[in-house]
Amino acid sequence: MLADVTMKPVTGARITLEGNMSHAGMVPIFSDAKEVAPGRYQANLDFAMAGDWVILSHITLATGQKIEDKLNLKGVRPN
């Protein structure tokens, strides 16, 4: 869930996920998230190769403020 410091859901954000293999040589994959409930966003990434992935979240709030976050996923199986 995307929430502010008071834990109130943040609505109206634009979120793009960028998936990168943890080693060089792979082209990144992208997916745009859709807001499915207030503050809840969902996206699908097509992991074409097994291994360790790094997911970058590129978030633009309704105010125009930009936020980035990173998540490391180990041992992903391909879709």
Foldseek 3Di string as FASTA:
>chain_A
DDADPVRFFAPDKKKKKWKDAPDPDDDIWIWTWDDPDRNDTDTDTFAQDWFKMKIKIWMQGPVRDTDIDIDIDGGDDGD
